[in-house]
Amino acid sequence: MIPKDPAMLLSYVNLKLRDFYSGLDQLCEDLDADRSEIVEKLAKIDYHYDEEKNQFV
């Protein structure tokens, strides 16, 4: 289950991206998660996905 709290979501998603997925699309597909929902929630706490780093920064 994906965390609802933005700070917990950030930690969870970045860990998954670092350890298991080569990109956000793969993570979302595998976890059946809504990419736009993740991006919007993390943008509210001023984090944005960096494709080159494969993490939210």
PDB file of N, CA and C in Angstrom:
ATOM      1  N   MET A   1       0.840  -1.177   0.000  1.00  0.00           N
ATOM      2  CA  MET A   1       0.000   0.000   0.000  1.00  0.00           C
ATOM      3  C   MET A   1       0.892   1.251   0.000  1.00  0.00           C
ATOM      4  N   ILE A   2       0.534   2.200  -0.820  1.00  0.00           N
ATOM      5  CA  ILE A   2       1.300   3.433  -0.956  1.00  0.00           C
ATOM      6  C   ILE A   2       0.858   4.423   0.130  1.00  0.00           C
ATOM      7  N   PRO A   3       1.811   5.032   0.830  1.00  0.00           N
ATOM      8  CA  PRO A   3       1.472   5.988   1.897  1.00  0.00           C
ATOM      9  C   PRO A   3       0.678   7.191   1.380  1.00  0.00           C
ATOM     10  N   LYS A   4      -0.203   7.691   2.208  1.00  0.00           N
ATOM     11  CA  LYS A   4      -1.012   8.871   1.866  1.00  0.00           C
ATOM     12  C   LYS A   4      -0.302  10.174   2.252  1.00  0.00           C
ATOM     13  N   ASP A   5       0.443  10.144   3.353  1.00  0.00           N
ATOM     14  CA  ASP A   5       1.159  11.326   3.826  1.00  0.00           C
ATOM     15  C   ASP A   5       2.265  11.681   2.827  1.00  0.00           C
ATOM     16  N   PRO A   6       2.331  12.934   2.375  1.00  0.00           N
ATOM     17  CA  PRO A   6       3.324  13.316   1.358  1.00  0.00           C
ATOM     18  C   PRO A   6       4.776  13.037   1.753  1.00  0.00           C
ATOM     19  N   ALA A   7       5.150  13.272   2.989  1.00  0.00           N
ATOM     20  CA  ALA A   7       6.533  13.032   3.409  1.00  0.00           C
ATOM     21  C   ALA A   7       6.853  11.535   3.405  1.00  0.00           C
ATOM     22  N   MET A   8       5.921  10.737   3.864  1.00  0.00           N
ATOM     23  CA  MET A   8       6.105   9.284   3.847  1.00  0.00           C
ATOM     24  C   MET A   8       6.103   8.768   2.405  1.00  0.00           C
ATOM     25  N   LEU A   9       5.245   9.351   1.579  1.00  0.00           N
ATOM     26  CA  LEU A   9       5.183   8.982   0.167  1.00  0.00           C
ATOM     27  C   LEU A   9       6.520   9.259  -0.515  1.00  0.00           C
ATOM     28  N   LEU A  10       7.100  10.402  -0.234  1.00  0.00           N
ATOM     29  CA  LEU A  10       8.399  10.767  -0.807  1.00  0.00           C
ATOM     30  C   LEU A  10       9.456   9.720  -0.465  1.00  0.00           C
ATOM     31  N   SER A  11       9.553   9.374   0.789  1.00  0.00           N
ATOM     32  CA  SER A  11      10.531   8.386   1.228  1.00  0.00           C
ATOM     33  C   SER A  11      10.283   7.035   0.573  1.00  0.00           C
ATOM     34  N   TYR A  12       9.045   6.613   0.555  1.00  0.00           N
ATOM     35  CA  TYR A  12       8.652   5.324  -0.019  1.00  0.00           C
ATOM     36  C   TYR A  12       8.967   5.246  -1.508  1.00  0.00           C
ATOM     37  N   VAL A  13       8.549   6.266  -2.248  1.00  0.00           N
ATOM     38  CA  VAL A  13       8.735   6.267  -3.698  1.00  0.00           C
ATOM     39  C   VAL A  13      10.222   6.340  -4.054  1.00  0.00           C
ATOM     40  N   ASN A  14      10.976   7.202  -3.393  1.00  0.00           N
ATOM     41  CA  ASN A  14      12.400   7.305  -3.702  1.00  0.00           C
ATOM     42  C   ASN A  14      13.148   6.011  -3.368  1.00  0.00           C
ATOM     43  N   LEU A  15      12.767   5.351  -2.287  1.00  0.00           N
ATOM     44  CA  LEU A  15      13.381   4.067  -1.957  1.00  0.00           C
ATOM     45  C   LEU A  15      13.081   3.040  -3.042  1.00  0.00           C
ATOM     46  N   LYS A  16      11.831   2.953  -3.464  1.00  0.00           N
ATOM     47  CA  LYS A  16      11.439   1.999  -4.503  1.00  0.00           C
ATOM     48  C   LYS A  16      12.155   2.313  -5.818  1.00  0.00           C
ATOM     49  N   LEU A  17      12.240   3.584  -6.165  1.00  0.00           N
ATOM     50  CA  LEU A  17      12.920   3.971  -7.400  1.00  0.00           C
ATOM     51  C   LEU A  17      14.406   3.610  -7.334  1.00  0.00           C
ATOM     52  N   ARG A  18      15.005   3.858  -6.213  1.00  0.00           N
ATOM     53  CA  ARG A  18      16.438   3.571  -6.052  1.00  0.00           C
ATOM     54  C   ARG A  18      16.721   2.066  -6.110  1.00  0.00           C
ATOM     55  N   ASP A  19      15.890   1.287  -5.434  1.00  0.00           N
ATOM     56  CA  ASP A  19      16.205  -0.133  -5.252  1.00  0.00           C
ATOM     57  C   ASP A  19      15.573  -1.087  -6.264  1.00  0.00           C
ATOM     58  N   PHE A  20      14.446  -0.676  -6.884  1.00  0.00           N
ATOM     59  CA  PHE A  20      13.702  -1.652  -7.674  1.00  0.00           C
ATOM     60  C   PHE A  20      13.286  -1.231  -9.085  1.00  0.00           C
ATOM     61  N   TYR A  21      13.220   0.066  -9.375  1.00  0.00           N
ATOM     62  CA  TYR A  21      12.639   0.506 -10.638  1.00  0.00           C
ATOM     63  C   TYR A  21      13.559   1.464 -11.384  1.00  0.00           C
ATOM     64  N   SER A  22      13.552   1.341 -12.705  1.00  0.00           N
ATOM     65  CA  SER A  22      14.382   2.217 -13.529  1.00  0.00           C
ATOM     66  C   SER A  22      13.677   3.519 -13.888  1.00  0.00           C
ATOM     67  N   GLY A  23      12.411   3.653 -13.492  1.00  0.00           N
ATOM     68  CA  GLY A  23      11.684   4.881 -13.770  1.00  0.00           C
ATOM     69  C   GLY A  23      10.339   4.912 -13.068  1.00  0.00           C
ATOM     70  N   LEU A  24       9.776   6.094 -13.005  1.00  0.00           N
ATOM     71  CA  LEU A  24       8.496   6.299 -12.329  1.00  0.00           C
ATOM     72  C   LEU A  24       7.362   5.550 -13.017  1.00  0.00           C
ATOM     73  N   ASP A  25       7.374   5.487 -14.335  1.00  0.00           N
ATOM     74  CA  ASP A  25       6.319   4.766 -15.051  1.00  0.00           C
ATOM     75  C   ASP A  25       6.311   3.285 -14.682  1.00  0.00           C
ATOM     76  N   GLN A  26       7.485   2.682 -14.568  1.00  0.00           N
ATOM     77  CA  GLN A  26       7.563   1.270 -14.204  1.00  0.00           C
ATOM     78  C   GLN A  26       7.036   1.040 -12.787  1.00  0.00           C
ATOM     79  N   LEU A  27       7.403   1.924 -11.877  1.00  0.00           N
ATOM     80  CA  LEU A  27       6.915   1.826 -10.510  1.00  0.00           C
ATOM     81  C   LEU A  27       5.394   1.891 -10.476  1.00  0.00           C
ATOM     82  N   CYS A  28       4.834   2.878 -11.147  1.00  0.00           N
ATOM     83  CA  CYS A  28       3.382   3.068 -11.145  1.00  0.00           C
ATOM     84  C   CYS A  28       2.660   1.881 -11.775  1.00  0.00           C
ATOM     85  N   GLU A  29       3.205   1.370 -12.856  1.00  0.00           N
ATOM     86  CA  GLU A  29       2.580   0.228 -13.518  1.00  0.00           C
ATOM     87  C   GLU A  29       2.602  -1.002 -12.616  1.00  0.00           C
ATOM     88  N   ASP A  30       3.745  -1.263 -12.018  1.00  0.00           N
ATOM     89  CA  ASP A  30       3.888  -2.445 -11.180  1.00  0.00           C
ATOM     90  C   ASP A  30       3.037  -2.365  -9.913  1.00  0.00           C
ATOM     91  N   LEU A  31       2.946  -1.174  -9.319  1.00  0.00           N
ATOM     92  CA  LEU A  31       2.196  -1.007  -8.077  1.00  0.00           C
ATOM     93  C   LEU A  31       0.746  -0.595  -8.316  1.00  0.00           C
ATOM     94  N   ASP A  32       0.354  -0.497  -9.589  1.00  0.00           N
ATOM     95  CA  ASP A  32      -0.991  -0.061  -9.959  1.00  0.00           C
ATOM     96  C   ASP A  32      -1.322   1.279  -9.289  1.00  0.00           C
ATOM     97  N   ALA A  33      -0.379   2.209  -9.408  1.00  0.00           N
ATOM     98  CA  ALA A  33      -0.512   3.534  -8.799  1.00  0.00           C
ATOM     99  C   ALA A  33      -0.742   4.579  -9.882  1.00  0.00           C
ATOM    100  N   ASP A  34      -1.388   5.664  -9.505  1.00  0.00           N
ATOM    101  CA  ASP A  34      -1.683   6.769 -10.412  1.00  0.00           C
ATOM    102  C   ASP A  34      -0.502   7.746 -10.400  1.00  0.00           C
ATOM    103  N   ARG A  35       0.216   7.784 -11.508  1.00  0.00           N
ATOM    104  CA  ARG A  35       1.410   8.645 -11.608  1.00  0.00           C
ATOM    105  C   ARG A  35       1.063  10.106 -11.302  1.00  0.00           C
ATOM    106  N   SER A  36      -0.001  10.617 -11.902  1.00  0.00           N
ATOM    107  CA  SER A  36      -0.345  12.027 -11.714  1.00  0.00           C
ATOM    108  C   SER A  36      -0.679  12.332 -10.255  1.00  0.00           C
ATOM    109  N   GLU A  37      -1.275  11.390  -9.557  1.00  0.00           N
ATOM    110  CA  GLU A  37      -1.593  11.593  -8.144  1.00  0.00           C
ATOM    111  C   GLU A  37      -0.310  11.693  -7.318  1.00  0.00           C
ATOM    112  N   ILE A  38       0.650  10.826  -7.599  1.00  0.00           N
ATOM    113  CA  ILE A  38       1.936  10.866  -6.887  1.00  0.00           C
ATOM    114  C   ILE A  38       2.657  12.170  -7.179  1.00  0.00           C
ATOM    115  N   VAL A  39       2.737  12.535  -8.444  1.00  0.00           N
ATOM    116  CA  VAL A  39       3.423  13.766  -8.847  1.00  0.00           C
ATOM    117  C   VAL A  39       2.777  14.988  -8.203  1.00  0.00           C
ATOM    118  N   GLU A  40       1.448  15.046  -8.185  1.00  0.00           N
ATOM    119  CA  GLU A  40       0.737  16.188  -7.589  1.00  0.00           C
ATOM    120  C   GLU A  40       0.968  16.266  -6.087  1.00  0.00           C
ATOM    121  N   LYS A  41       0.867  15.136  -5.400  1.00  0.00           N
ATOM    122  CA  LYS A  41       1.064  15.141  -3.942  1.00  0.00           C
ATOM    123  C   LYS A  41       2.461  15.609  -3.579  1.00  0.00           C
ATOM    124  N   LEU A  42       3.461  15.140  -4.325  1.00  0.00           N
ATOM    125  CA  LEU A  42       4.831  15.523  -3.995  1.00  0.00           C
ATOM    126  C   LEU A  42       5.152  16.949  -4.434  1.00  0.00           C
ATOM    127  N   ALA A  43       4.480  17.425  -5.459  1.00  0.00           N
ATOM    128  CA  ALA A  43       4.664  18.825  -5.871  1.00  0.00           C
ATOM    129  C   ALA A  43       4.170  19.775  -4.781  1.00  0.00           C
ATOM    130  N   LYS A  44       3.167  19.348  -4.021  1.00  0.00           N
ATOM    131  CA  LYS A  44       2.634  20.186  -2.932  1.00  0.00           C
ATOM    132  C   LYS A  44       3.666  20.414  -1.838  1.00  0.00           C
ATOM    133  N   ILE A  45       4.625  19.506  -1.713  1.00  0.00           N
ATOM    134  CA  ILE A  45       5.704  19.712  -0.736  1.00  0.00           C
ATOM    135  C   ILE A  45       7.013  20.062  -1.453  1.00  0.00           C
ATOM    136  N   ASP A  46       6.872  20.543  -2.685  1.00  0.00           N
ATOM    137  CA  ASP A  46       7.980  21.084  -3.482  1.00  0.00           C
ATOM    138  C   ASP A  46       9.017  20.039  -3.897  1.00  0.00           C
ATOM    139  N   TYR A  47       8.549  18.852  -4.246  1.00  0.00           N
ATOM    140  CA  TYR A  47       9.408  17.818  -4.811  1.00  0.00           C
ATOM    141  C   TYR A  47       8.912  17.477  -6.201  1.00  0.00           C
ATOM    142  N   HIS A  48       9.854  17.326  -7.125  1.00  0.00           N
ATOM    143  CA  HIS A  48       9.525  17.062  -8.523  1.00  0.00           C
ATOM    144  C   HIS A  48      10.403  15.925  -9.029  1.00  0.00           C
ATOM    145  N   TYR A  49       9.842  15.112  -9.912  1.00  0.00           N
ATOM    146  CA  TYR A  49      10.560  13.951 -10.416  1.00  0.00           C
ATOM    147  C   TYR A  49      11.660  14.371 -11.382  1.00  0.00           C
ATOM    148  N   ASP A  50      12.864  13.892 -11.125  1.00  0.00           N
ATOM    149  CA  ASP A  50      14.015  14.127 -11.989  1.00  0.00           C
ATOM    150  C   ASP A  50      14.335  12.801 -12.678  1.00  0.00           C
ATOM    151  N   GLU A  51      14.083  12.731 -13.983  1.00  0.00           N
ATOM    152  CA  GLU A  51      14.281  11.485 -14.724  1.00  0.00           C
ATOM    153  C   GLU A  51      15.740  11.044 -14.736  1.00  0.00           C
ATOM    154  N   GLU A  52      16.662  11.977 -14.842  1.00  0.00           N
ATOM    155  CA  GLU A  52      18.082  11.626 -14.870  1.00  0.00           C
ATOM    156  C   GLU A  52      18.536  10.990 -13.557  1.00  0.00           C
ATOM    157  N   LYS A  53      18.058  11.509 -12.453  1.00  0.00           N
ATOM    158  CA  LYS A  53      18.422  10.971 -11.136  1.00  0.00           C
ATOM    159  C   LYS A  53      17.496   9.827 -10.732  1.00  0.00           C
ATOM    160  N   ASN A  54      16.369   9.710 -11.412  1.00  0.00           N
ATOM    161  CA  ASN A  54      15.343   8.722 -11.094  1.00  0.00           C
ATOM    162  C   ASN A  54      14.902   8.820  -9.638  1.00  0.00           C
ATOM    163  N   GLN A  55      14.606  10.056  -9.234  1.00  0.00           N
ATOM    164  CA  GLN A  55      14.110  10.290  -7.887  1.00  0.00           C
ATOM    165  C   GLN A  55      13.403  11.639  -7.834  1.00  0.00           C
ATOM    166  N   PHE A  56      12.655  11.826  -6.775  1.00  0.00           N
ATOM    167  CA  PHE A  56      12.037  13.117  -6.538  1.00  0.00           C
ATOM    168  C   PHE A  56      13.025  13.958  -5.749  1.00  0.00           C
ATOM    169  N   VAL A  57      13.265  15.171  -6.253  1.00  0.00           N
ATOM    170  CA  VAL A  57      14.234  16.083  -5.617  1.00  0.00           C
ATOM    171  C   VAL A  57      13.594  17.427  -5.387  1.00  0.00           C
TER     172      VAL A  57
END
